[in-house]
Amino acid sequence: EPLFRSSQALIWLGAFYSPLLSFAGTLMFFLIFYVKKYSLIWNCQPSRRAYRATKTSTFFLFLLLLTLFVCLIPIGYSLVEIRPSAVCGPFAGRSRMYDIVSEEISNAPNWLQVVLSYIGSAAFVIPFIIVLCIVVYYFISLSRAYKKSIKILEYQLQIDVINSS
């Protein structure tokens, strides 16, 4: 998993500067996945006791999200602050790499400019964040309710076992 995280971080960082790197990384991950899969099938046997991987999985996803945000910092900095080459590359002749985004939006059809302007405004972002928070709260509450019902059912099973013996 640490190898996966570091490889994923390198792909995220390098994809902006070398788009073919994303394809190479995807190919590498598919290859590693299938090698590990066949190695697992042929060399291992299932455990007698069930393994609960939910907490490990959640922690791994949190670390992956943290890695993504850390990788976005240098890319964002280079987009906004670093002056691109004046003679070559897709950003030649611009003062900042981000200027191409403004130029392309101004060259877009009028309806697309209106839509992008609305998506970038506070009238869209604030309600979107509020709705997103409500959805996350709903799923957290649902998860807690499921956990509580599981505990109640386990308790009822224990009582039924005691009563039947």
N, C-alpha and C. Protein backbone atom coordinates (compact mmCIF):
# COMPACT_ATOMS: atom_id res chain seq x y z
N GLU A 1 0.80 -1.20 0.00
CA GLU A 1 0.00 0.00 0.00
C GLU A 1 0.85 1.27 0.00
N PRO A 2 1.97 1.32 0.73
CA PRO A 2 2.80 2.53 0.62
C PRO A 2 3.33 2.73 -0.80
N LEU A 3 3.66 1.62 -1.49
CA LEU A 3 4.12 1.73 -2.87
C LEU A 3 3.00 2.28 -3.75
N PHE A 4 1.78 1.82 -3.51
CA PHE A 4 0.63 2.32 -4.27
C PHE A 4 0.45 3.82 -4.06
N ARG A 5 0.52 4.25 -2.80
CA ARG A 5 0.32 5.67 -2.51
C ARG A 5 1.40 6.52 -3.15
N SER A 6 2.66 6.10 -3.04
CA SER A 6 3.74 6.92 -3.61
C SER A 6 3.67 6.92 -5.13
N SER A 7 3.33 5.78 -5.73
CA SER A 7 3.18 5.73 -7.19
C SER A 7 2.01 6.61 -7.64
N GLN A 8 0.92 6.54 -6.91
CA GLN A 8 -0.25 7.37 -7.25
C GLN A 8 0.10 8.85 -7.13
N ALA A 9 0.84 9.21 -6.11
CA ALA A 9 1.25 10.61 -5.94
C ALA A 9 2.14 11.06 -7.09
N LEU A 10 3.07 10.21 -7.51
CA LEU A 10 3.93 10.58 -8.63
C LEU A 10 3.13 10.74 -9.92
N ILE A 11 2.12 9.90 -10.11
CA ILE A 11 1.29 10.02 -11.30
C ILE A 11 0.48 11.30 -11.25
N TRP A 12 -0.08 11.62 -10.09
CA TRP A 12 -0.85 12.86 -9.97
C TRP A 12 0.02 14.08 -10.23
N LEU A 13 1.24 14.07 -9.69
CA LEU A 13 2.14 15.20 -9.89
C LEU A 13 2.60 15.30 -11.34
N GLY A 14 2.94 14.14 -11.94
CA GLY A 14 3.51 14.16 -13.27
C GLY A 14 2.50 14.26 -14.39
N ALA A 15 1.24 13.95 -14.14
CA ALA A 15 0.23 13.94 -15.21
C ALA A 15 0.05 15.33 -15.81
N PHE A 16 0.22 16.36 -15.02
CA PHE A 16 0.07 17.72 -15.54
C PHE A 16 1.18 18.05 -16.52
N TYR A 17 2.38 17.58 -16.24
CA TYR A 17 3.52 17.90 -17.07
C TYR A 17 3.74 16.88 -18.19
N SER A 18 3.29 15.64 -17.99
CA SER A 18 3.45 14.59 -18.99
C SER A 18 2.18 13.75 -19.02
N PRO A 19 1.21 14.10 -19.87
CA PRO A 19 -0.08 13.40 -19.87
C PRO A 19 0.02 11.90 -20.15
N LEU A 20 1.04 11.45 -20.85
CA LEU A 20 1.21 10.04 -21.13
C LEU A 20 1.53 9.25 -19.86
N LEU A 21 1.98 9.93 -18.84
CA LEU A 21 2.29 9.28 -17.57
C LEU A 21 1.05 8.64 -16.94
N SER A 22 -0.11 9.24 -17.13
CA SER A 22 -1.35 8.67 -16.60
C SER A 22 -1.63 7.31 -17.22
N PHE A 23 -1.43 7.21 -18.53
CA PHE A 23 -1.64 5.93 -19.21
C PHE A 23 -0.64 4.89 -18.71
N ALA A 24 0.62 5.28 -18.59
CA ALA A 24 1.64 4.34 -18.11
C ALA A 24 1.35 3.90 -16.68
N GLY A 25 0.91 4.83 -15.84
CA GLY A 25 0.57 4.48 -14.46
C GLY A 25 -0.62 3.54 -14.38
N THR A 26 -1.64 3.80 -15.20
CA THR A 26 -2.81 2.92 -15.22
C THR A 26 -2.42 1.52 -15.67
N LEU A 27 -1.60 1.45 -16.68
CA LEU A 27 -1.12 0.15 -17.16
C LEU A 27 -0.33 -0.57 -16.07
N MET A 28 0.52 0.17 -15.36
CA MET A 28 1.30 -0.42 -14.28
C MET A 28 0.39 -0.95 -13.17
N PHE A 29 -0.64 -0.17 -12.80
CA PHE A 29 -1.54 -0.61 -11.73
C PHE A 29 -2.34 -1.84 -12.14
N PHE A 30 -2.79 -1.91 -13.39
CA PHE A 30 -3.49 -3.11 -13.86
C PHE A 30 -2.57 -4.32 -13.80
N LEU A 31 -1.34 -4.15 -14.24
CA LEU A 31 -0.38 -5.25 -14.24
C LEU A 31 -0.11 -5.73 -12.82
N ILE A 32 0.15 -4.80 -11.91
CA ILE A 32 0.41 -5.16 -10.52
C ILE A 32 -0.80 -5.84 -9.90
N PHE A 33 -2.00 -5.33 -10.19
CA PHE A 33 -3.21 -5.92 -9.63
C PHE A 33 -3.36 -7.38 -10.06
N TYR A 34 -3.20 -7.65 -11.35
CA TYR A 34 -3.40 -9.02 -11.81
C TYR A 34 -2.28 -9.95 -11.37
N VAL A 35 -1.07 -9.47 -11.27
CA VAL A 35 0.02 -10.30 -10.74
C VAL A 35 -0.27 -10.66 -9.28
N LYS A 36 -0.68 -9.69 -8.49
CA LYS A 36 -1.02 -9.97 -7.09
C LYS A 36 -2.23 -10.88 -6.97
N LYS A 37 -3.21 -10.69 -7.84
CA LYS A 37 -4.42 -11.52 -7.81
C LYS A 37 -4.06 -12.99 -8.05
N TYR A 38 -3.31 -13.25 -9.12
CA TYR A 38 -2.96 -14.64 -9.42
C TYR A 38 -2.01 -15.22 -8.39
N SER A 39 -1.14 -14.40 -7.85
CA SER A 39 -0.26 -14.87 -6.78
C SER A 39 -1.08 -15.26 -5.55
N LEU A 40 -2.08 -14.46 -5.23
CA LEU A 40 -2.95 -14.74 -4.09
C LEU A 40 -3.76 -16.01 -4.32
N ILE A 41 -4.30 -16.17 -5.52
CA ILE A 41 -5.11 -17.35 -5.82
C ILE A 41 -4.29 -18.63 -5.73
N TRP A 42 -3.07 -18.60 -6.24
CA TRP A 42 -2.27 -19.82 -6.31
C TRP A 42 -1.47 -20.11 -5.04
N ASN A 43 -1.11 -19.10 -4.27
CA ASN A 43 -0.20 -19.31 -3.15
C ASN A 43 -0.83 -19.20 -1.77
N CYS A 44 -2.03 -18.70 -1.65
CA CYS A 44 -2.62 -18.45 -0.34
C CYS A 44 -3.94 -19.18 -0.18
N GLN A 45 -4.35 -19.31 1.08
CA GLN A 45 -5.65 -19.89 1.36
C GLN A 45 -6.39 -18.94 2.30
N PRO A 46 -7.72 -18.96 2.27
CA PRO A 46 -8.48 -18.01 3.09
C PRO A 46 -8.30 -18.28 4.58
N SER A 47 -8.40 -17.24 5.34
CA SER A 47 -8.30 -17.33 6.79
C SER A 47 -9.56 -17.97 7.35
N ARG A 48 -9.39 -18.64 8.48
CA ARG A 48 -10.55 -19.26 9.13
C ARG A 48 -11.45 -18.21 9.77
N ARG A 49 -10.83 -17.13 10.20
CA ARG A 49 -11.57 -16.06 10.87
C ARG A 49 -11.76 -14.90 9.90
N ALA A 50 -12.94 -14.35 9.87
CA ALA A 50 -13.24 -13.23 8.97
C ALA A 50 -12.47 -11.99 9.43
N TYR A 51 -11.92 -11.28 8.47
CA TYR A 51 -11.14 -10.08 8.74
C TYR A 51 -11.98 -8.87 8.41
N ARG A 52 -12.07 -7.96 9.36
CA ARG A 52 -12.85 -6.74 9.14
C ARG A 52 -11.91 -5.63 8.67
N ALA A 53 -12.01 -5.30 7.42
CA ALA A 53 -11.09 -4.33 6.81
C ALA A 53 -11.70 -2.94 6.67
N THR A 54 -12.83 -2.68 7.28
CA THR A 54 -13.48 -1.39 7.06
C THR A 54 -12.67 -0.24 7.62
N LYS A 55 -12.12 -0.39 8.83
CA LYS A 55 -11.34 0.71 9.41
C LYS A 55 -10.05 0.92 8.64
N THR A 56 -9.40 -0.16 8.22
CA THR A 56 -8.18 -0.04 7.44
C THR A 56 -8.47 0.62 6.10
N SER A 57 -9.55 0.23 5.47
CA SER A 57 -9.91 0.80 4.19
C SER A 57 -10.21 2.29 4.31
N THR A 58 -10.92 2.68 5.35
CA THR A 58 -11.23 4.09 5.56
C THR A 58 -9.97 4.90 5.78
N PHE A 59 -9.05 4.36 6.57
CA PHE A 59 -7.78 5.05 6.83
C PHE A 59 -6.97 5.17 5.55
N PHE A 60 -6.94 4.11 4.75
CA PHE A 60 -6.21 4.13 3.49
C PHE A 60 -6.79 5.18 2.55
N LEU A 61 -8.12 5.25 2.44
CA LEU A 61 -8.75 6.25 1.58
C LEU A 61 -8.48 7.67 2.08
N PHE A 62 -8.45 7.84 3.42
CA PHE A 62 -8.12 9.16 3.97
C PHE A 62 -6.70 9.55 3.60
N LEU A 63 -5.76 8.62 3.71
CA LEU A 63 -4.37 8.92 3.34
C LEU A 63 -4.25 9.23 1.85
N LEU A 64 -5.01 8.53 1.03
CA LEU A 64 -4.98 8.79 -0.40
C LEU A 64 -5.54 10.18 -0.71
N LEU A 65 -6.61 10.59 -0.02
CA LEU A 65 -7.17 11.93 -0.20
C LEU A 65 -6.18 13.00 0.26
N LEU A 66 -5.53 12.75 1.39
CA LEU A 66 -4.52 13.68 1.89
C LEU A 66 -3.37 13.80 0.89
N THR A 67 -2.94 12.68 0.31
CA THR A 67 -1.88 12.70 -0.69
C THR A 67 -2.31 13.51 -1.91
N LEU A 68 -3.56 13.36 -2.33
CA LEU A 68 -4.06 14.14 -3.48
C LEU A 68 -3.97 15.63 -3.19
N PHE A 69 -4.41 16.06 -2.00
CA PHE A 69 -4.35 17.48 -1.67
C PHE A 69 -2.92 17.98 -1.60
N VAL A 70 -2.01 17.17 -1.07
CA VAL A 70 -0.61 17.56 -1.01
C VAL A 70 -0.03 17.68 -2.42
N CYS A 71 -0.45 16.79 -3.33
CA CYS A 71 0.02 16.85 -4.72
C CYS A 71 -0.56 18.03 -5.48
N LEU A 72 -1.73 18.49 -5.10
CA LEU A 72 -2.35 19.62 -5.78
C LEU A 72 -1.67 20.95 -5.45
N ILE A 73 -0.98 21.01 -4.31
CA ILE A 73 -0.33 22.27 -3.91
C ILE A 73 0.73 22.70 -4.92
N PRO A 74 1.72 21.85 -5.27
CA PRO A 74 2.71 22.32 -6.25
C PRO A 74 2.13 22.55 -7.65
N ILE A 75 1.13 21.76 -8.02
CA ILE A 75 0.52 21.97 -9.35
C ILE A 75 -0.23 23.30 -9.36
N GLY A 76 -0.98 23.58 -8.30
CA GLY A 76 -1.67 24.87 -8.22
C GLY A 76 -0.71 26.04 -8.20
N TYR A 77 0.39 25.87 -7.48
CA TYR A 77 1.39 26.93 -7.44
C TYR A 77 1.98 27.17 -8.82
N SER A 78 2.30 26.09 -9.53
CA SER A 78 2.91 26.25 -10.85
C SER A 78 1.90 26.83 -11.86
N LEU A 79 0.62 26.51 -11.70
CA LEU A 79 -0.40 27.07 -12.59
C LEU A 79 -0.54 28.57 -12.42
N VAL A 80 -0.45 29.02 -11.18
CA VAL A 80 -0.76 30.42 -10.89
C VAL A 80 0.49 31.30 -10.83
N GLU A 81 1.60 30.79 -10.35
CA GLU A 81 2.75 31.65 -10.07
C GLU A 81 3.93 31.53 -11.04
N ILE A 82 4.23 30.36 -11.54
CA ILE A 82 5.43 30.18 -12.35
C ILE A 82 5.19 30.66 -13.78
N ARG A 83 6.12 31.43 -14.27
CA ARG A 83 6.02 31.96 -15.63
C ARG A 83 6.45 30.87 -16.62
N PRO A 84 5.58 30.55 -17.61
CA PRO A 84 5.95 29.50 -18.57
C PRO A 84 7.00 29.98 -19.57
N SER A 85 7.50 29.03 -20.34
CA SER A 85 8.49 29.34 -21.37
C SER A 85 7.89 30.31 -22.39
N ALA A 86 8.71 31.26 -22.84
CA ALA A 86 8.21 32.27 -23.78
C ALA A 86 8.21 31.77 -25.23
N VAL A 87 8.97 30.72 -25.53
CA VAL A 87 9.12 30.32 -26.93
C VAL A 87 8.54 28.95 -27.26
N CYS A 88 8.35 28.07 -26.29
CA CYS A 88 7.85 26.74 -26.64
C CYS A 88 6.85 26.24 -25.61
N GLY A 89 6.07 25.25 -26.01
CA GLY A 89 5.10 24.66 -25.11
C GLY A 89 3.71 25.21 -25.33
N PRO A 90 2.73 24.57 -24.73
CA PRO A 90 1.33 25.00 -24.93
C PRO A 90 1.00 26.33 -24.26
N PHE A 91 1.84 26.79 -23.34
CA PHE A 91 1.57 28.04 -22.63
C PHE A 91 2.48 29.17 -23.11
N ALA A 92 3.14 29.01 -24.23
CA ALA A 92 4.09 30.01 -24.75
C ALA A 92 3.37 31.33 -25.01
N GLY A 93 4.03 32.41 -24.65
CA GLY A 93 3.49 33.74 -24.89
C GLY A 93 2.51 34.22 -23.85
N ARG A 94 2.29 33.46 -22.80
CA ARG A 94 1.37 33.87 -21.73
C ARG A 94 2.17 34.19 -20.48
N SER A 95 1.62 35.07 -19.66
CA SER A 95 2.34 35.43 -18.43
C SER A 95 2.19 34.36 -17.36
N ARG A 96 1.08 33.66 -17.34
CA ARG A 96 0.83 32.57 -16.39
C ARG A 96 0.16 31.41 -17.14
N MET A 97 0.34 30.20 -16.62
CA MET A 97 -0.29 29.03 -17.24
C MET A 97 -1.81 29.11 -17.15
N TYR A 98 -2.30 29.73 -16.10
CA TYR A 98 -3.74 29.81 -15.88
C TYR A 98 -4.43 30.72 -16.89
N ASP A 99 -3.67 31.58 -17.56
CA ASP A 99 -4.27 32.52 -18.52
C ASP A 99 -4.99 31.79 -19.65
N ILE A 100 -4.54 30.60 -19.99
CA ILE A 100 -5.20 29.86 -21.08
C ILE A 100 -6.63 29.49 -20.72
N VAL A 101 -6.88 29.27 -19.43
CA VAL A 101 -8.24 28.94 -18.99
C VAL A 101 -9.16 30.14 -19.23
N SER A 102 -8.70 31.32 -18.85
CA SER A 102 -9.50 32.54 -19.06
C SER A 102 -9.74 32.78 -20.54
N GLU A 103 -8.72 32.56 -21.36
CA GLU A 103 -8.87 32.78 -22.81
C GLU A 103 -9.87 31.79 -23.41
N GLU A 104 -9.79 30.53 -23.01
CA GLU A 104 -10.70 29.53 -23.56
C GLU A 104 -12.14 29.78 -23.12
N ILE A 105 -12.33 30.23 -21.89
CA ILE A 105 -13.69 30.54 -21.42
C ILE A 105 -14.24 31.74 -22.19
N SER A 106 -13.40 32.74 -22.45
CA SER A 106 -13.88 33.91 -23.21
C SER A 106 -14.16 33.56 -24.67
N ASN A 107 -13.52 32.50 -25.20
CA ASN A 107 -13.77 32.06 -26.58
C ASN A 107 -14.92 31.05 -26.67
N ALA A 108 -15.43 30.60 -25.55
CA ALA A 108 -16.51 29.60 -25.54
C ALA A 108 -17.83 30.25 -25.94
N PRO A 109 -18.81 29.41 -26.31
CA PRO A 109 -20.15 29.96 -26.64
C PRO A 109 -20.74 30.71 -25.43
N ASN A 110 -21.63 31.62 -25.71
CA ASN A 110 -22.20 32.48 -24.67
C ASN A 110 -22.90 31.67 -23.58
N TRP A 111 -23.69 30.65 -23.98
CA TRP A 111 -24.42 29.85 -22.99
C TRP A 111 -23.45 29.13 -22.04
N LEU A 112 -22.30 28.66 -22.56
CA LEU A 112 -21.32 27.98 -21.72
C LEU A 112 -20.65 28.98 -20.76
N GLN A 113 -20.43 30.19 -21.22
CA GLN A 113 -19.87 31.23 -20.34
C GLN A 113 -20.82 31.51 -19.18
N VAL A 114 -22.13 31.58 -19.49
CA VAL A 114 -23.13 31.84 -18.45
C VAL A 114 -23.15 30.68 -17.45
N VAL A 115 -23.12 29.44 -17.94
CA VAL A 115 -23.15 28.27 -17.06
C VAL A 115 -21.91 28.23 -16.17
N LEU A 116 -20.73 28.43 -16.76
CA LEU A 116 -19.49 28.41 -15.97
C LEU A 116 -19.44 29.56 -14.97
N SER A 117 -19.97 30.70 -15.37
CA SER A 117 -20.03 31.84 -14.45
C SER A 117 -20.94 31.53 -13.26
N TYR A 118 -22.07 30.86 -13.54
CA TYR A 118 -22.99 30.51 -12.45
C TYR A 118 -22.38 29.45 -11.53
N ILE A 119 -21.71 28.45 -12.11
CA ILE A 119 -21.08 27.39 -11.30
C ILE A 119 -19.99 27.97 -10.41
N GLY A 120 -19.30 28.98 -10.88
CA GLY A 120 -18.25 29.60 -10.08
C GLY A 120 -18.73 30.65 -9.10
N SER A 121 -20.03 30.96 -9.10
CA SER A 121 -20.53 32.00 -8.21
C SER A 121 -20.93 31.43 -6.85
N ALA A 122 -21.05 32.31 -5.90
CA ALA A 122 -21.46 31.89 -4.54
C ALA A 122 -22.90 31.39 -4.52
N ALA A 123 -23.71 31.83 -5.46
CA ALA A 123 -25.11 31.38 -5.52
C ALA A 123 -25.21 29.89 -5.81
N PHE A 124 -24.19 29.32 -6.42
CA PHE A 124 -24.18 27.87 -6.67
C PHE A 124 -23.35 27.13 -5.64
N VAL A 125 -22.18 27.66 -5.31
CA VAL A 125 -21.22 26.95 -4.46
C VAL A 125 -21.76 26.77 -3.04
N ILE A 126 -22.32 27.80 -2.45
CA ILE A 126 -22.78 27.71 -1.05
C ILE A 126 -23.94 26.72 -0.91
N PRO A 127 -24.99 26.77 -1.73
CA PRO A 127 -26.03 25.73 -1.62
C PRO A 127 -25.50 24.33 -1.92
N PHE A 128 -24.56 24.23 -2.85
CA PHE A 128 -23.98 22.92 -3.17
C PHE A 128 -23.25 22.34 -1.97
N ILE A 129 -22.48 23.16 -1.28
CA ILE A 129 -21.77 22.69 -0.09
C ILE A 129 -22.75 22.32 1.02
N ILE A 130 -23.81 23.10 1.18
CA ILE A 130 -24.82 22.79 2.19
C ILE A 130 -25.50 21.46 1.88
N VAL A 131 -25.89 21.25 0.63
CA VAL A 131 -26.52 19.98 0.24
C VAL A 131 -25.54 18.83 0.43
N LEU A 132 -24.30 19.04 0.09
CA LEU A 132 -23.28 18.00 0.28
C LEU A 132 -23.12 17.65 1.76
N CYS A 133 -23.12 18.64 2.63
CA CYS A 133 -23.03 18.39 4.07
C CYS A 133 -24.25 17.62 4.58
N ILE A 134 -25.43 17.97 4.08
CA ILE A 134 -26.65 17.26 4.49
C ILE A 134 -26.60 15.80 4.04
N VAL A 135 -26.13 15.55 2.84
CA VAL A 135 -26.02 14.17 2.35
C VAL A 135 -25.02 13.38 3.18
N VAL A 136 -23.88 13.98 3.49
CA VAL A 136 -22.88 13.29 4.33
C VAL A 136 -23.45 13.02 5.72
N TYR A 137 -24.14 13.99 6.29
CA TYR A 137 -24.76 13.79 7.61
C TYR A 137 -25.79 12.67 7.56
N TYR A 138 -26.57 12.60 6.48
CA TYR A 138 -27.57 11.55 6.33
C TYR A 138 -26.91 10.17 6.31
N PHE A 139 -25.84 10.04 5.56
CA PHE A 139 -25.18 8.74 5.48
C PHE A 139 -24.48 8.37 6.78
N ILE A 140 -23.94 9.35 7.49
CA ILE A 140 -23.35 9.06 8.80
C ILE A 140 -24.43 8.61 9.77
N SER A 141 -25.58 9.28 9.77
CA SER A 141 -26.70 8.89 10.63
C SER A 141 -27.22 7.50 10.27
N LEU A 142 -27.31 7.23 9.00
CA LEU A 142 -27.74 5.91 8.54
C LEU A 142 -26.77 4.82 9.00
N SER A 143 -25.49 5.10 8.92
CA SER A 143 -24.48 4.14 9.36
C SER A 143 -24.60 3.89 10.86
N ARG A 144 -24.79 4.93 11.63
CA ARG A 144 -24.96 4.77 13.08
C ARG A 144 -26.21 3.96 13.41
N ALA A 145 -27.29 4.22 12.67
CA ALA A 145 -28.53 3.47 12.91
C ALA A 145 -28.34 1.99 12.59
N TYR A 146 -27.62 1.70 11.50
CA TYR A 146 -27.35 0.31 11.15
C TYR A 146 -26.50 -0.37 12.22
N LYS A 147 -25.50 0.34 12.71
CA LYS A 147 -24.65 -0.23 13.78
C LYS A 147 -25.46 -0.52 15.02
N LYS A 148 -26.36 0.40 15.37
CA LYS A 148 -27.20 0.21 16.55
C LYS A 148 -28.14 -0.98 16.37
N SER A 149 -28.73 -1.11 15.18
CA SER A 149 -29.63 -2.24 14.94
C SER A 149 -28.86 -3.56 14.94
N ILE A 150 -27.63 -3.55 14.47
CA ILE A 150 -26.81 -4.77 14.50
C ILE A 150 -26.53 -5.18 15.95
N LYS A 151 -26.21 -4.20 16.80
CA LYS A 151 -25.97 -4.52 18.21
C LYS A 151 -27.23 -5.08 18.87
N ILE A 152 -28.38 -4.51 18.54
CA ILE A 152 -29.64 -4.99 19.11
C ILE A 152 -29.91 -6.42 18.63
N LEU A 153 -29.70 -6.69 17.36
CA LEU A 153 -29.92 -8.04 16.84
C LEU A 153 -28.94 -9.05 17.45
N GLU A 154 -27.69 -8.64 17.64
CA GLU A 154 -26.72 -9.53 18.29
C GLU A 154 -27.14 -9.84 19.72
N TYR A 155 -27.62 -8.83 20.43
CA TYR A 155 -28.08 -9.03 21.79
C TYR A 155 -29.28 -9.99 21.82
N GLN A 156 -30.21 -9.81 20.88
CA GLN A 156 -31.37 -10.70 20.81
C GLN A 156 -30.96 -12.13 20.49
N LEU A 157 -29.95 -12.29 19.64
CA LEU A 157 -29.44 -13.63 19.33
C LEU A 157 -28.83 -14.28 20.57
N GLN A 158 -28.10 -13.50 21.35
CA GLN A 158 -27.50 -14.04 22.57
C GLN A 158 -28.59 -14.48 23.54
N ILE A 159 -29.63 -13.68 23.66
CA ILE A 159 -30.74 -14.03 24.56
C ILE A 159 -31.44 -15.28 24.06
N ASP A 160 -31.66 -15.39 22.75
CA ASP A 160 -32.31 -16.58 22.19
C ASP A 160 -31.46 -17.83 22.41
N VAL A 161 -30.14 -17.71 22.31
CA VAL A 161 -29.26 -18.86 22.56
C VAL A 161 -29.33 -19.26 24.01
N ILE A 162 -29.34 -18.29 24.91
CA ILE A 162 -29.42 -18.60 26.35
C ILE A 162 -30.77 -19.23 26.68
N ASN A 163 -31.85 -18.71 26.11
CA ASN A 163 -33.19 -19.23 26.38
C ASN A 163 -33.39 -20.62 25.80
N SER A 164 -32.77 -20.90 24.67
CA SER A 164 -32.98 -22.21 24.05
C SER A 164 -32.16 -23.31 24.71
N SER A 165 -31.10 -22.96 25.44
CA SER A 165 -30.30 -24.00 26.08
C SER A 165 -30.70 -24.29 27.49
